[in-house]
């Protein structure tokens, strides 16, 4: 199963290199979103709490613009039936999830670097806590985005349905990640942030388990 999942990941990777749909969408949204924030702020000094919140707002809406095509592209190319015949549902989901995890980490790392360079108040005082919350938040975002993309793949209004479904599902993750980022900016210890970290870990485990349990029914429906 691992080799088949990796092969599916490579297929998506080479397809993305040819079309550059997700990469271009994500890059444009990152540039536009951060530029608008900078123009809106102007010469005013932004507080640390606002900067931390805007950081995850950009991440959330950037993900909405580029992660929805994980399964939509298979439906548009007519390759979904072939995947159903050749691979087990868990294999398909694993391959798509690997691709989205790498895409999310690359996207959010660029956002974090740009934020650090452009916003003076985005100063991480507890780097370990920030990295921990960043990694856990990215995993949760990738898992949720992948299963939501599978749900809306066969729907007619894919563009509008994806953010509508994503918002309530991702809201607990985003709110907790914002709080953890604020803790990292304030220099709060990992021990003091253990409850928020436990929430994010529980979210990731629950979403991963539910995704694998439900994907078989979603994929073959």
Protein backbone atom coordinates (compact mmCIF):
# COMPACT_ATOMS: atom_id res chain seq x y z
CA UNK A 1 0.00 0.00 0.00
CA UNK A 2 2.87 2.38 0.82
CA UNK A 3 4.40 2.03 -2.64
CA UNK A 4 1.04 2.62 -4.34
CA UNK A 5 0.35 5.66 -2.16
CA UNK A 6 3.76 7.09 -3.02
CA UNK A 7 3.14 6.39 -6.72
CA UNK A 8 -0.13 8.30 -6.50
CA UNK A 9 1.68 11.15 -4.79
CA UNK A 10 4.27 11.21 -7.60
CA UNK A 11 1.46 11.29 -10.18
CA UNK A 12 -0.07 14.35 -8.51
CA UNK A 13 3.36 15.93 -8.11
CA UNK A 14 4.25 15.60 -11.81
CA UNK A 15 0.75 16.71 -12.81
CA UNK A 16 1.10 19.82 -10.66
CA UNK A 17 4.50 20.58 -12.17
CA UNK A 18 2.88 20.52 -15.62
CA UNK A 19 -0.22 22.58 -14.83
CA UNK A 20 1.00 24.58 -11.80
CA UNK A 21 -2.65 25.23 -10.89
CA UNK A 22 -2.34 24.89 -7.12
CA UNK A 23 1.13 26.48 -6.95
CA UNK A 24 0.04 29.55 -8.95
CA UNK A 25 -3.21 29.91 -6.98
CA UNK A 26 -1.42 29.67 -3.64
CA UNK A 27 1.41 32.01 -4.65
CA UNK A 28 -0.96 34.66 -5.98
CA UNK A 29 -3.20 34.53 -2.93
CA UNK A 30 -0.26 34.75 -0.52
CA UNK A 31 1.13 37.81 -2.34
CA UNK A 32 -2.26 39.52 -2.65
CA UNK A 33 -3.38 38.79 0.93
CA UNK A 34 -0.16 40.00 2.57
CA UNK A 35 0.00 43.06 0.28
CA UNK A 36 -3.56 44.06 1.18
CA UNK A 37 -2.80 43.69 4.89
CA UNK A 38 0.32 45.84 4.57
CA UNK A 39 -1.52 48.55 2.60
CA UNK A 40 -4.40 48.53 5.08
CA UNK A 41 -2.06 48.79 8.05
CA UNK A 42 0.14 51.46 6.47
CA UNK A 43 2.49 53.12 8.95
CA UNK A 44 0.46 52.01 11.98
CA UNK A 45 2.07 49.57 14.37
CA UNK A 46 0.16 46.29 14.49
CA UNK A 47 -0.21 44.58 17.85
CA UNK A 48 1.19 41.09 18.37
CA UNK A 49 -2.27 39.61 18.93
CA UNK A 50 -3.58 41.06 15.67
CA UNK A 51 -0.49 39.89 13.77
CA UNK A 52 -0.89 36.35 15.10
CA UNK A 53 -4.56 36.30 14.13
CA UNK A 54 -3.91 37.65 10.64
CA UNK A 55 -1.19 35.04 10.18
CA UNK A 56 -3.71 32.19 10.45
CA UNK A 57 -6.36 34.11 8.50
CA UNK A 58 -3.98 34.24 5.53
CA UNK A 59 -3.17 30.54 5.97
CA UNK A 60 -6.86 29.58 6.08
CA UNK A 61 -7.95 31.50 2.99
CA UNK A 62 -4.82 30.53 1.06
CA UNK A 63 -5.64 26.88 1.74
CA UNK A 64 -9.19 27.48 0.47
CA UNK A 65 -7.81 28.77 -2.83
CA UNK A 66 -5.44 25.90 -3.63
CA UNK A 67 -6.29 22.67 -1.78
CA UNK A 68 -9.77 22.03 -3.13
CA UNK A 69 -8.60 20.30 -6.32
CA UNK A 70 -7.14 17.18 -4.70
CA UNK A 71 -10.02 15.05 -6.03
CA UNK A 72 -11.73 17.54 -8.33
CA UNK A 73 -8.92 17.14 -10.86
CA UNK A 74 -9.53 13.37 -10.96
CA UNK A 75 -13.22 13.94 -11.73
CA UNK A 76 -12.42 16.50 -14.44
CA UNK A 77 -9.88 14.25 -16.14
CA UNK A 78 -12.11 11.18 -15.79
CA UNK A 79 -9.44 9.21 -13.91
CA UNK A 80 -11.41 8.67 -10.70
CA UNK A 81 -12.97 5.42 -11.96
CA UNK A 82 -9.52 4.11 -12.91
CA UNK A 83 -8.22 4.86 -9.43
CA UNK A 84 -11.21 3.08 -7.90
CA UNK A 85 -10.44 -0.04 -9.95
CA UNK A 86 -6.67 -0.06 -9.40
CA UNK A 87 -6.25 1.12 -5.81
CA UNK A 88 -7.85 0.65 -2.42
CA UNK A 89 -9.60 3.72 -0.98
CA UNK A 90 -7.07 4.00 1.85
CA UNK A 91 -4.24 4.00 -0.71
CA UNK A 92 -5.86 6.81 -2.71
CA UNK A 93 -6.48 8.89 0.39
CA UNK A 94 -2.91 8.36 1.63
CA UNK A 95 -1.42 9.47 -1.68
CA UNK A 96 -3.57 12.60 -1.81
CA UNK A 97 -2.86 13.34 1.85
CA UNK A 98 0.92 13.13 1.36
CA UNK A 99 0.70 15.61 -1.53
CA UNK A 100 -1.46 18.03 0.48
CA UNK A 101 0.77 17.80 3.56
CA UNK A 102 3.85 18.75 1.53
CA UNK A 103 1.93 21.52 -0.25
CA UNK A 104 0.58 22.92 3.03
CA UNK A 105 3.98 22.87 4.73
CA UNK A 106 5.67 24.62 1.79
CA UNK A 107 2.88 27.22 1.57
CA UNK A 108 2.79 28.00 5.29
CA UNK A 109 6.57 28.09 5.63
CA UNK A 110 6.67 30.79 2.94
CA UNK A 111 3.89 32.71 4.73
CA UNK A 112 5.76 32.47 8.06
CA UNK A 113 9.01 33.71 6.49
CA UNK A 114 7.25 36.62 4.79
CA UNK A 115 5.49 37.54 8.02
CA UNK A 116 8.76 37.50 9.93
CA UNK A 117 10.39 39.74 7.33
CA UNK A 118 7.52 42.22 6.82
CA UNK A 119 5.91 42.57 10.25
CA UNK A 120 8.07 43.92 13.08
CA UNK A 121 5.69 42.65 15.78
CA UNK A 122 5.80 39.06 14.50
CA UNK A 123 8.64 38.08 16.83
CA UNK A 124 8.65 34.49 18.08
CA UNK A 125 9.81 34.37 21.71
CA UNK A 126 9.16 30.65 22.20
CA UNK A 127 10.36 29.06 18.97
CA UNK A 128 9.80 25.48 20.15
CA UNK A 129 6.13 26.15 20.91
CA UNK A 130 5.67 27.91 17.57
CA UNK A 131 7.22 25.02 15.61
CA UNK A 132 5.14 22.48 17.53
CA UNK A 133 1.87 24.34 16.97
CA UNK A 134 2.85 25.09 13.36
CA UNK A 135 3.48 21.41 12.57
CA UNK A 136 0.34 20.16 14.33
CA UNK A 137 -1.78 22.90 12.74
CA UNK A 138 -0.46 22.10 9.28
CA UNK A 139 -1.21 18.40 9.69
CA UNK A 140 -4.76 19.16 10.79
CA UNK A 141 -5.25 21.58 7.91
CA UNK A 142 -3.97 19.06 5.35
CA UNK A 143 -6.08 16.19 6.71
CA UNK A 144 -9.30 18.22 6.86
CA UNK A 145 -8.74 19.81 3.45
CA UNK A 146 -8.15 16.41 1.83
CA UNK A 147 -11.35 14.79 3.12
CA UNK A 148 -13.41 17.91 2.34
CA UNK A 149 -12.00 17.91 -1.20
CA UNK A 150 -13.16 14.30 -1.57
CA UNK A 151 -16.65 15.21 -0.36
CA UNK A 152 -17.14 18.08 -2.82
CA UNK A 153 -15.45 16.36 -5.82
CA UNK A 154 -18.73 15.14 -7.30
CA UNK A 155 -20.77 18.22 -6.40
CA UNK A 156 -21.84 20.78 -8.96
CA UNK A 157 -20.90 23.97 -7.10
CA UNK A 158 -17.39 22.90 -6.07
CA UNK A 159 -15.97 26.41 -5.76
CA UNK A 160 -18.58 27.66 -3.29
CA UNK A 161 -19.14 24.39 -1.41
CA UNK A 162 -15.50 23.93 -0.36
CA UNK A 163 -15.18 27.05 1.85
CA UNK A 164 -18.70 26.53 3.22
CA UNK A 165 -17.80 23.04 4.47
CA UNK A 166 -14.28 23.98 5.49
CA UNK A 167 -15.13 26.86 7.80
CA UNK A 168 -17.06 24.96 10.52
CA UNK A 169 -14.72 21.96 10.34
CA UNK A 170 -11.50 23.99 10.49
CA UNK A 171 -12.75 26.64 12.94
CA UNK A 172 -11.66 24.78 16.14
CA UNK A 173 -8.22 24.13 14.64
CA UNK A 174 -7.75 27.73 13.47
CA UNK A 175 -8.88 29.27 16.77
CA UNK A 176 -6.62 27.00 18.82
CA UNK A 177 -3.68 27.56 16.46
CA UNK A 178 -4.16 31.34 16.75
CA UNK A 179 -4.04 31.01 20.54
CA UNK A 180 -0.89 28.88 20.39
CA UNK A 181 0.76 31.39 18.05
CA UNK A 182 -0.05 34.19 20.49
CA UNK A 183 1.49 32.12 23.28
CA UNK A 184 4.63 31.67 21.16
CA UNK A 185 4.78 35.42 20.50
CA UNK A 186 4.40 36.15 24.22
CA UNK A 187 7.03 33.60 25.22
CA UNK A 188 4.61 31.30 27.06
CA UNK A 189 6.11 27.93 27.99
CA UNK A 190 4.98 24.67 26.44
CA UNK A 191 3.82 23.51 29.87
CA UNK A 192 1.40 26.45 30.11
CA UNK A 193 0.09 25.77 26.61
CA UNK A 194 -0.41 22.02 27.11
CA UNK A 195 -4.22 22.19 27.02
CA UNK A 196 -4.27 24.00 23.67
CA UNK A 197 -1.68 21.56 22.32
CA UNK A 198 -3.83 18.65 23.54
CA UNK A 199 -6.80 20.10 21.63
CA UNK A 200 -4.82 20.31 18.38
CA UNK A 201 -3.40 16.79 18.80
CA UNK A 202 -6.90 15.42 19.52
CA UNK A 203 -8.26 17.26 16.48
CA UNK A 204 -5.58 15.77 14.22
CA UNK A 205 -6.11 12.23 15.53
CA UNK A 206 -9.90 12.46 15.27
CA UNK A 207 -9.86 13.92 11.77
CA UNK A 208 -7.33 11.35 10.54
CA UNK A 209 -9.32 8.46 11.99
CA UNK A 210 -12.67 9.73 10.72
CA UNK A 211 -11.21 10.45 7.28
CA UNK A 212 -9.92 6.91 6.79
CA UNK A 213 -13.17 5.42 8.13
CA UNK A 214 -15.44 7.51 5.90
CA UNK A 215 -13.33 7.81 2.76
CA UNK A 216 -14.36 4.37 1.47
CA UNK A 217 -18.02 5.46 1.39
CA UNK A 218 -17.25 8.93 0.01
CA UNK A 219 -14.94 7.65 -2.74
CA UNK A 220 -17.29 4.94 -4.01
CA UNK A 221 -20.50 6.94 -3.74
